[in-house]
Amino acid sequence: MRTAHFDCFSGISGDMTLAALIDAGVDPAAIIDGIGSLGLPVEVEIEKVRKGGFAATHVRIEAPTQHEHRFLREVEDILSRGKLTDKQRELAFKIFHRLAEAEAAVHGMPVEKVHFHEVGALDSIADIAGSAIGLDLLGVERFSSGPVAVGGGMVKCEHGHMPVPAPATAELLKGVPLRSSPVKAELTTPTGAAILTSIVGEWIEQPAITIERIGLGAGRREFVEQPNVLRLFVGTSAGVVRDGGYETDQVWLLETNIDDMPAEAIGYCCDRLMAAGAFDVFTTAIFMKKNRPGVTLSVLVAPELVSHIDAILFHETTTLGVRRQLLARHKLQRRACSVETPWGPVQGKLAWQDGKAAVFSPEHDDCALIAREHHIPLREVVSRAHQIYQQNAEHGG
């Protein structure tokens, strides 16, 4: 699986992300053309620099200073007129929506009334649009990141001096592991945090990856404590490895306790979670504070879907928080298999361990459909499907 891993030991910003993508091999001409198609009065300057001994790429967006504030709809109009692909435009929209939601939460107002300050400036729009283009052109299937350094001290914003991380950055980084830093400056910006949390599916110090390319994106400032760069590792991860004849991989367990929702609403949420790609969804009856009956809603999910599943849980339930736990999983090797019964085909799964006979599991829905249509017992259909598979296996079918 093609994988990209962010090493944010010195934070992340929009221009650092854009520079790291170019340094990792994304065609800068494609990014410049995409930004140019927005019709903004900006120029993109790319240069090689040295940061604390590292050779890195630095990107500077030159734009006239503007004092107007843009609403989300205005930013979307700018992005819509550009020659971005649907995937690139949707990612840019997603990043700006995350920014708007964070600002709305900080200021206590509806999303549609949020007006962007710094992130609505021309250079920030170009940073995000360019990053969306670059992330798409990078051609990876999964993004991960290590803990994020945010810095310390105070930073000057539109509303005056604010502690680091700035309020919007802190809101965006909820649930994200942070790392300490000796630098007393803003290392992670709202733009960088929004980009990162829009694409990362797994937060891990170092994933199992065969590195092919390393991109280094330089920040604007110089620090004596450390190089001001963002590292981007690009390569392949097996995703699944063999261990004693089993396949092993990693999955996330997301859980939340609920005691104030009707059963029908929980059932609807479970359906949405399965439709979104969860491996499994289940509930456990529990007693909560003051002996209130409730349920633990548990979801097993692939790393790249964690953020999406999180969003569904917060949208469809009354939960105030979701617990995350990374689990190692052993599983039988498997593949799809179909058998032809007298009443029609039955799909199923074939599972096996090295050196042992495979086991066929017919799909319940296929068997149930045949049972209803032909007015025969379900158990007869299941038994016949097993029998036919066994006969085919014995004759090398």
Foldseek 3Di string as FASTA:
>chain_A
DKEKEKEAPQAFALQQLLFLLVQQPQDVVVLQQQLVQLVAPKDKDKDWDAFPNDTAIGIDIDHDDDFDWAALVVLLVSLVRTPDDPQLSVLLNQLVQLLLVLQCVVVVHDSRPDTDGVCRDSRNSSSSSSSSRSVVRLDGDAYEYEAHEFAFAWDQDPVGIDTPPRSSLVSLCVVGHHDYDPHHDGRYHNSGSSSCLSFHLYYDRDDQFDFDGKHWGADDDHDPRDTSIMIMTIGDDPQWDDDQQWIKHKKKKKKDKDQPDDPVLVVVLLVVLVVLPWPDWDWDWDQDPPRGIIIMIITIHHSRCRSVNVVSCVVRGVTPDMDMDMDMDTHFDKDKDWFAFPQGIWIWMWGDGPPDDIDTDTDQVRLVVSCVVVVHDSVVSRVRRRVRVVVCVVVVD
